[in-house]
C-alpha atoms as a PDB file:
ATOM      1  CA  UNK A   1     -73.399  80.496 283.819  1.00  0.00           C
ATOM      2  CA  UNK A   2     -74.739  81.892 280.604  1.00  0.00           C
ATOM      3  CA  UNK A   3     -72.940  79.066 278.583  1.00  0.00           C
ATOM      4  CA  UNK A   4     -74.829  76.253 280.933  1.00  0.00           C
ATOM      5  CA  UNK A   5     -78.016  77.649 280.623  1.00  0.00           C
ATOM      6  CA  UNK A   6     -77.842  77.947 276.821  1.00  0.00           C
ATOM      7  CA  UNK A   7     -76.276  73.771 276.771  1.00  0.00           C
ATOM      8  CA  UNK A   8     -78.937  72.534 279.168  1.00  0.00           C
ATOM      9  CA  UNK A   9     -81.706  74.564 276.971  1.00  0.00           C
ATOM     10  CA  UNK A  10     -80.098  72.691 273.829  1.00  0.00           C
ATOM     11  CA  UNK A  11     -79.864  69.455 275.396  1.00  0.00           C
ATOM     12  CA  UNK A  12     -83.620  69.535 276.440  1.00  0.00           C
ATOM     13  CA  UNK A  13     -84.859  70.438 272.931  1.00  0.00           C
ATOM     14  CA  UNK A  14     -82.521  67.484 271.313  1.00  0.00           C
ATOM     15  CA  UNK A  15     -84.693  64.736 274.115  1.00  0.00           C
ATOM     16  CA  UNK A  16     -88.219  66.271 272.818  1.00  0.00           C
ATOM     17  CA  UNK A  17     -87.141  66.362 268.868  1.00  0.00           C
ATOM     18  CA  UNK A  18     -85.894  62.443 269.344  1.00  0.00           C
ATOM     19  CA  UNK A  19     -88.965  61.421 271.155  1.00  0.00           C
ATOM     20  CA  UNK A  20     -90.842  63.073 268.528  1.00  0.00           C
ATOM     21  CA  UNK A  21     -88.967  61.438 266.038  1.00  0.00           C
ATOM     22  CA  UNK A  22     -89.959  58.061 267.866  1.00  0.00           C
ATOM     23  CA  UNK A  23     -93.193  58.278 268.457  1.00  0.00           C
ATOM     24  CA  UNK A  24     -94.040  59.514 264.485  1.00  0.00           C
ATOM     25  CA  UNK A  25     -91.918  55.634 263.510  1.00  0.00           C
ATOM     26  CA  UNK A  26     -93.967  53.814 266.271  1.00  0.00           C
ATOM     27  CA  UNK A  27     -97.055  55.567 265.092  1.00  0.00           C
ATOM     28  CA  UNK A  28     -96.229  54.603 261.409  1.00  0.00           C
ATOM     29  CA  UNK A  29     -94.996  51.465 262.362  1.00  0.00           C
ATOM     30  CA  UNK A  30     -98.516  50.848 264.810  1.00  0.00           C
ATOM     31  CA  UNK A  31    -100.345  51.581 261.561  1.00  0.00           C
ATOM     32  CA  UNK A  32     -98.906  49.022 258.978  1.00  0.00           C
ATOM     33  CA  UNK A  33     -99.050  46.213 261.586  1.00  0.00           C
ATOM     34  CA  UNK A  34    -102.310  46.675 263.413  1.00  0.00           C
ATOM     35  CA  UNK A  35    -105.257  46.889 261.068  1.00  0.00           C
ATOM     36  CA  UNK A  36    -107.945  49.251 262.106  1.00  0.00           C
ATOM     37  CA  UNK A  37    -110.246  47.421 264.739  1.00  0.00           C
ATOM     38  CA  UNK A  38    -113.480  45.154 262.833  1.00  0.00           C
ATOM     39  CA  UNK A  39    -116.344  45.384 264.232  1.00  0.00           C
ATOM     40  CA  UNK A  40    -117.754  42.571 266.148  1.00  0.00           C
ATOM     41  CA  UNK A  41    -118.622  39.563 263.998  1.00  0.00           C
ATOM     42  CA  UNK A  42    -121.531  37.119 265.636  1.00  0.00           C
ATOM     43  CA  UNK A  43    -120.240  33.741 266.048  1.00  0.00           C
ATOM     44  CA  UNK A  44    -123.134  32.319 263.679  1.00  0.00           C
ATOM     45  CA  UNK A  45    -121.983  34.481 260.943  1.00  0.00           C
ATOM     46  CA  UNK A  46    -119.577  31.854 259.394  1.00  0.00           C
ATOM     47  CA  UNK A  47    -122.004  29.519 259.001  1.00  0.00           C
ATOM     48  CA  UNK A  48    -123.569  29.293 255.531  1.00  0.00           C
ATOM     49  CA  UNK A  49    -127.186  30.973 254.808  1.00  0.00           C
ATOM     50  CA  UNK A  50    -129.870  28.954 253.858  1.00  0.00           C
ATOM     51  CA  UNK A  51    -130.819  29.911 250.141  1.00  0.00           C
ATOM     52  CA  UNK A  52    -127.876  32.127 249.851  1.00  0.00           C
ATOM     53  CA  UNK A  53    -127.181  33.004 246.014  1.00  0.00           C
ATOM     54  CA  UNK A  54    -130.091  30.132 245.288  1.00  0.00           C
ATOM     55  CA  UNK A  55    -132.791  30.495 242.911  1.00  0.00           C
ATOM     56  CA  UNK A  56    -135.981  30.358 243.993  1.00  0.00           C
ATOM     57  CA  UNK A  57    -137.599  29.081 240.390  1.00  0.00           C
ATOM     58  CA  UNK A  58    -135.253  26.886 239.233  1.00  0.00           C
ATOM     59  CA  UNK A  59    -136.899  23.568 239.442  1.00  0.00           C
ATOM     60  CA  UNK A  60    -134.708  20.578 240.370  1.00  0.00           C
ATOM     61  CA  UNK A  61    -135.656  18.001 237.591  1.00  0.00           C
ATOM     62  CA  UNK A  62    -134.312  14.228 237.143  1.00  0.00           C
ATOM     63  CA  UNK A  63    -130.506  13.931 236.343  1.00  0.00           C
ATOM     64  CA  UNK A  64    -129.314  16.922 237.791  1.00  0.00           C
ATOM     65  CA  UNK A  65    -126.560  16.792 240.305  1.00  0.00           C
ATOM     66  CA  UNK A  66    -126.605  18.644 243.803  1.00  0.00           C
ATOM     67  CA  UNK A  67    -124.618  19.641 245.672  1.00  0.00           C
ATOM     68  CA  UNK A  68    -125.881  19.745 249.362  1.00  0.00           C
ATOM     69  CA  UNK A  69    -124.068  21.315 252.393  1.00  0.00           C
ATOM     70  CA  UNK A  70    -124.151  20.674 255.885  1.00  0.00           C
ATOM     71  CA  UNK A  71    -122.853  23.498 258.361  1.00  0.00           C
ATOM     72  CA  UNK A  72    -120.272  21.319 260.250  1.00  0.00           C
ATOM     73  CA  UNK A  73    -121.540  17.485 259.209  1.00  0.00           C
ATOM     74  CA  UNK A  74    -118.617  16.907 256.348  1.00  0.00           C
ATOM     75  CA  UNK A  75    -120.410  12.914 256.606  1.00  0.00           C
ATOM     76  CA  UNK A  76    -123.354  14.218 255.282  1.00  0.00           C
ATOM     77  CA  UNK A  77    -122.370  16.927 253.092  1.00  0.00           C
ATOM     78  CA  UNK A  78    -121.823  15.313 249.294  1.00  0.00           C
ATOM     79  CA  UNK A  79    -122.903  15.642 245.893  1.00  0.00           C
ATOM     80  CA  UNK A  80    -125.893  13.699 244.870  1.00  0.00           C
ATOM     81  CA  UNK A  81    -127.488  12.799 241.482  1.00  0.00           C
ATOM     82  CA  UNK A  82    -130.937  13.435 241.164  1.00  0.00           C
ATOM     83  CA  UNK A  83    -132.470   9.734 240.483  1.00  0.00           C
ATOM     84  CA  UNK A  84    -134.813   8.728 237.502  1.00  0.00           C
ATOM     85  CA  UNK A  85    -137.809   8.518 240.395  1.00  0.00           C
ATOM     86  CA  UNK A  86    -136.965  11.941 241.068  1.00  0.00           C
ATOM     87  CA  UNK A  87    -135.535  11.123 244.477  1.00  0.00           C
ATOM     88  CA  UNK A  88    -132.055  11.523 246.004  1.00  0.00           C
ATOM     89  CA  UNK A  89    -130.486   9.406 249.206  1.00  0.00           C
ATOM     90  CA  UNK A  90    -128.465  11.121 251.866  1.00  0.00           C
ATOM     91  CA  UNK A  91    -127.008   9.659 255.853  1.00  0.00           C
ATOM     92  CA  UNK A  92    -129.706  10.307 258.114  1.00  0.00           C
ATOM     93  CA  UNK A  93    -132.558  11.468 255.587  1.00  0.00           C
ATOM     94  CA  UNK A  94    -132.526   8.610 253.796  1.00  0.00           C
ATOM     95  CA  UNK A  95    -134.497   9.264 250.617  1.00  0.00           C
ATOM     96  CA  UNK A  96    -136.134  12.312 249.795  1.00  0.00           C
ATOM     97  CA  UNK A  97    -137.887  13.681 247.027  1.00  0.00           C
ATOM     98  CA  UNK A  98    -136.025  16.727 244.853  1.00  0.00           C
ATOM     99  CA  UNK A  99    -137.264  17.058 241.226  1.00  0.00           C
ATOM    100  CA  UNK A 100    -140.152  19.257 241.061  1.00  0.00           C
ATOM    101  CA  UNK A 101    -138.743  21.428 244.156  1.00  0.00           C
ATOM    102  CA  UNK A 102    -136.185  24.587 243.732  1.00  0.00           C
ATOM    103  CA  UNK A 103    -133.094  24.224 245.623  1.00  0.00           C
ATOM    104  CA  UNK A 104    -134.726  26.818 248.805  1.00  0.00           C
ATOM    105  CA  UNK A 105    -137.827  24.382 249.000  1.00  0.00           C
ATOM    106  CA  UNK A 106    -135.162  21.009 249.347  1.00  0.00           C
ATOM    107  CA  UNK A 107    -133.283  23.363 251.846  1.00  0.00           C
ATOM    108  CA  UNK A 108    -136.641  23.488 253.891  1.00  0.00           C
ATOM    109  CA  UNK A 109    -137.513  19.875 253.589  1.00  0.00           C
ATOM    110  CA  UNK A 110    -133.921  18.462 254.460  1.00  0.00           C
ATOM    111  CA  UNK A 111    -133.196  21.072 257.263  1.00  0.00           C
ATOM    112  CA  UNK A 112    -136.838  19.969 259.151  1.00  0.00           C
ATOM    113  CA  UNK A 113    -135.879  15.836 259.007  1.00  0.00           C
ATOM    114  CA  UNK A 114    -131.990  16.670 259.699  1.00  0.00           C
ATOM    115  CA  UNK A 115    -133.483  18.630 262.874  1.00  0.00           C
ATOM    116  CA  UNK A 116    -134.157  15.058 264.652  1.00  0.00           C
ATOM    117  CA  UNK A 117    -130.637  14.479 264.965  1.00  0.00           C
ATOM    118  CA  UNK A 118    -128.854  17.888 264.726  1.00  0.00           C
ATOM    119  CA  UNK A 119    -129.398  21.096 266.292  1.00  0.00           C
ATOM    120  CA  UNK A 120    -130.116  23.646 264.114  1.00  0.00           C
ATOM    121  CA  UNK A 121    -128.890  22.749 261.123  1.00  0.00           C
ATOM    122  CA  UNK A 122    -127.719  24.965 258.329  1.00  0.00           C
ATOM    123  CA  UNK A 123    -128.340  23.440 254.714  1.00  0.00           C
ATOM    124  CA  UNK A 124    -127.353  24.355 251.411  1.00  0.00           C
ATOM    125  CA  UNK A 125    -128.510  23.148 248.383  1.00  0.00           C
ATOM    126  CA  UNK A 126    -126.320  24.659 245.189  1.00  0.00           C
ATOM    127  CA  UNK A 127    -127.413  22.910 241.368  1.00  0.00           C
ATOM    128  CA  UNK A 128    -123.642  21.725 240.587  1.00  0.00           C
ATOM    129  CA  UNK A 129    -124.568  20.388 237.259  1.00  0.00           C
ATOM    130  CA  UNK A 130    -128.264  21.250 235.305  1.00  0.00           C
ATOM    131  CA  UNK A 131    -128.740  18.028 233.065  1.00  0.00           C
ATOM    132  CA  UNK A 132    -132.712  17.580 233.272  1.00  0.00           C
ATOM    133  CA  UNK A 133    -132.472  20.717 230.454  1.00  0.00           C
ATOM    134  CA  UNK A 134    -130.603  18.590 228.290  1.00  0.00           C
ATOM    135  CA  UNK A 135    -131.257  16.811 224.491  1.00  0.00           C
ATOM    136  CA  UNK A 136    -129.372  14.554 222.439  1.00  0.00           C
ATOM    137  CA  UNK A 137    -128.291  15.185 218.515  1.00  0.00           C
ATOM    138  CA  UNK A 138    -127.349  11.782 217.367  1.00  0.00           C
ATOM    139  CA  UNK A 139    -125.947  10.093 214.049  1.00  0.00           C
ATOM    140  CA  UNK A 140    -123.887  12.281 211.166  1.00  0.00           C
ATOM    141  CA  UNK A 141    -123.390  15.258 212.730  1.00  0.00           C
ATOM    142  CA  UNK A 142    -119.588  16.437 213.487  1.00  0.00           C
ATOM    143  CA  UNK A 143    -119.937  16.481 217.446  1.00  0.00           C
ATOM    144  CA  UNK A 144    -123.309  13.782 218.393  1.00  0.00           C
ATOM    145  CA  UNK A 145    -123.934  13.887 222.241  1.00  0.00           C
ATOM    146  CA  UNK A 146    -125.638  15.409 224.876  1.00  0.00           C
ATOM    147  CA  UNK A 147    -126.124  20.013 225.091  1.00  0.00           C
ATOM    148  CA  UNK A 148    -128.103  22.266 227.049  1.00  0.00           C
ATOM    149  CA  UNK A 149    -131.151  23.829 226.026  1.00  0.00           C
ATOM    150  CA  UNK A 150    -130.413  27.394 226.650  1.00  0.00           C
ATOM    151  CA  UNK A 151    -127.334  27.042 224.219  1.00  0.00           C
ATOM    152  CA  UNK A 152    -129.815  25.363 221.164  1.00  0.00           C
ATOM    153  CA  UNK A 153    -133.313  25.911 222.161  1.00  0.00           C
ATOM    154  CA  UNK A 154    -134.638  24.595 218.532  1.00  0.00           C
ATOM    155  CA  UNK A 155    -133.771  21.825 215.915  1.00  0.00           C
ATOM    156  CA  UNK A 156    -131.708  24.243 213.874  1.00  0.00           C
ATOM    157  CA  UNK A 157    -130.004  25.459 216.573  1.00  0.00           C
ATOM    158  CA  UNK A 158    -129.176  21.870 217.884  1.00  0.00           C
ATOM    159  CA  UNK A 159    -127.691  21.100 214.414  1.00  0.00           C
ATOM    160  CA  UNK A 160    -125.486  24.440 214.456  1.00  0.00           C
ATOM    161  CA  UNK A 161    -124.684  23.676 218.249  1.00  0.00           C
ATOM    162  CA  UNK A 162    -123.437  19.851 217.044  1.00  0.00           C
ATOM    163  CA  UNK A 163    -121.263  21.413 214.374  1.00  0.00           C
ATOM    164  CA  UNK A 164    -123.085  20.420 211.144  1.00  0.00           C
ATOM    165  CA  UNK A 165    -124.012  17.828 209.198  1.00  0.00           C
ATOM    166  CA  UNK A 166    -121.185  15.474 208.159  1.00  0.00           C
ATOM    167  CA  UNK A 167    -121.002  13.891 204.492  1.00  0.00           C
ATOM    168  CA  UNK A 168    -123.819  11.691 203.282  1.00  0.00           C
ATOM    169  CA  UNK A 169    -126.290  12.993 206.443  1.00  0.00           C
ATOM    170  CA  UNK A 170    -129.853  12.428 205.206  1.00  0.00           C
ATOM    171  CA  UNK A 171    -131.111  15.950 205.495  1.00  0.00           C
ATOM    172  CA  UNK A 172    -134.464  15.747 204.719  1.00  0.00           C
ATOM    173  CA  UNK A 173    -135.200  12.503 206.721  1.00  0.00           C
ATOM    174  CA  UNK A 174    -134.102  14.315 210.244  1.00  0.00           C
ATOM    175  CA  UNK A 175    -136.393  13.955 213.041  1.00  0.00           C
ATOM    176  CA  UNK A 176    -137.044  13.849 216.734  1.00  0.00           C
ATOM    177  CA  UNK A 177    -137.747  11.286 219.618  1.00  0.00           C
ATOM    178  CA  UNK A 178    -140.087  13.019 222.073  1.00  0.00           C
ATOM    179  CA  UNK A 179    -140.579  11.046 225.486  1.00  0.00           C
ATOM    180  CA  UNK A 180    -144.361  10.609 226.212  1.00  0.00           C
ATOM    181  CA  UNK A 181    -144.405  10.756 230.078  1.00  0.00           C
ATOM    182  CA  UNK A 182    -145.182   7.580 231.956  1.00  0.00           C
ATOM    183  CA  UNK A 183    -145.968   5.566 228.689  1.00  0.00           C
ATOM    184  CA  UNK A 184    -142.057   4.307 227.546  1.00  0.00           C
ATOM    185  CA  UNK A 185    -143.169   5.536 224.341  1.00  0.00           C
ATOM    186  CA  UNK A 186    -141.625   8.446 222.232  1.00  0.00           C
ATOM    187  CA  UNK A 187    -143.636  10.848 219.889  1.00  0.00           C
ATOM    188  CA  UNK A 188    -141.541  10.756 216.433  1.00  0.00           C
ATOM    189  CA  UNK A 189    -141.002  15.034 215.068  1.00  0.00           C
ATOM    190  CA  UNK A 190    -140.122  15.126 211.369  1.00  0.00           C
ATOM    191  CA  UNK A 191    -137.825  17.147 210.531  1.00  0.00           C
ATOM    192  CA  UNK A 192    -137.177  18.662 206.619  1.00  0.00           C
ATOM    193  CA  UNK A 193    -133.841  20.296 206.763  1.00  0.00           C
ATOM    194  CA  UNK A 194    -133.626  20.971 202.932  1.00  0.00           C
ATOM    195  CA  UNK A 195    -137.672  22.282 203.150  1.00  0.00           C
ATOM    196  CA  UNK A 196    -136.982  24.319 205.930  1.00  0.00           C
ATOM    197  CA  UNK A 197    -133.686  26.205 204.460  1.00  0.00           C
ATOM    198  CA  UNK A 198    -135.932  26.438 201.251  1.00  0.00           C
ATOM    199  CA  UNK A 199    -139.265  28.530 202.875  1.00  0.00           C
ATOM    200  CA  UNK A 200    -141.101  25.322 203.564  1.00  0.00           C
ATOM    201  CA  UNK A 201    -142.693  25.210 207.148  1.00  0.00           C
ATOM    202  CA  UNK A 202    -141.642  27.778 209.583  1.00  0.00           C
ATOM    203  CA  UNK A 203    -143.438  25.472 212.796  1.00  0.00           C
ATOM    204  CA  UNK A 204    -141.087  22.016 211.799  1.00  0.00           C
ATOM    205  CA  UNK A 205    -137.779  23.871 213.335  1.00  0.00           C
ATOM    206  CA  UNK A 206    -139.765  22.750 216.788  1.00  0.00           C
ATOM    207  CA  UNK A 207    -139.010  24.640 220.366  1.00  0.00           C
ATOM    208  CA  UNK A 208    -137.191  21.136 221.783  1.00  0.00           C
ATOM    209  CA  UNK A 209    -138.163  19.753 225.314  1.00  0.00           C
ATOM    210  CA  UNK A 210    -135.410  18.118 228.157  1.00  0.00           C
ATOM    211  CA  UNK A 211    -134.413  14.699 227.111  1.00  0.00           C
ATOM    212  CA  UNK A 212    -135.317  14.899 223.282  1.00  0.00           C
ATOM    213  CA  UNK A 213    -133.349  13.723 221.385  1.00  0.00           C
ATOM    214  CA  UNK A 214    -132.674  14.677 217.156  1.00  0.00           C
ATOM    215  CA  UNK A 215    -131.778  11.751 215.059  1.00  0.00           C
ATOM    216  CA  UNK A 216    -129.929  12.736 211.439  1.00  0.00           C
ATOM    217  CA  UNK A 217    -130.055   9.436 209.369  1.00  0.00           C
END
């Protein structure tokens, strides 16, 4: 009798231990396979917020390239350059002024125009390429081309960014051509590099403006 009771107690202990082991493994496996529940997300949370990651101070200019995204409207979303008249063209919207506005302002203008055709349009405007803040440097420099004013804000900086002079460059005859707004003409501003590095007029190393062209004969 005592032997039978002992066997019964032993069997129960084994069953309890085995059940505890299975429960521990199940809990561990469940932790690996089922991540903790996340808080509920509103249905419209995936839509891009208007103006997200955009500057409210940057002013769009001619030649800038804009990436315009309209939520769930792939036929309208696209990359567009700002034309020389300051406008862009989009389906449904047609032509709209972009130059002189911040990305946020353009978002709001596009949203208002699209409301006629789309329920609650979600518009995002990103300046993909900043070309309105560029200048050009031509002539006898190692790397002529177009550069950003953020890289080279002055004439001297521009020459350095373009890799310096080539042989036989006329360093005393450099000049900047600056377009005069609305006139179709350009102002010519001289820069004598040799005089400048010898301590001549510091004022001739002018701050460049968008669309200036530096010519190194």
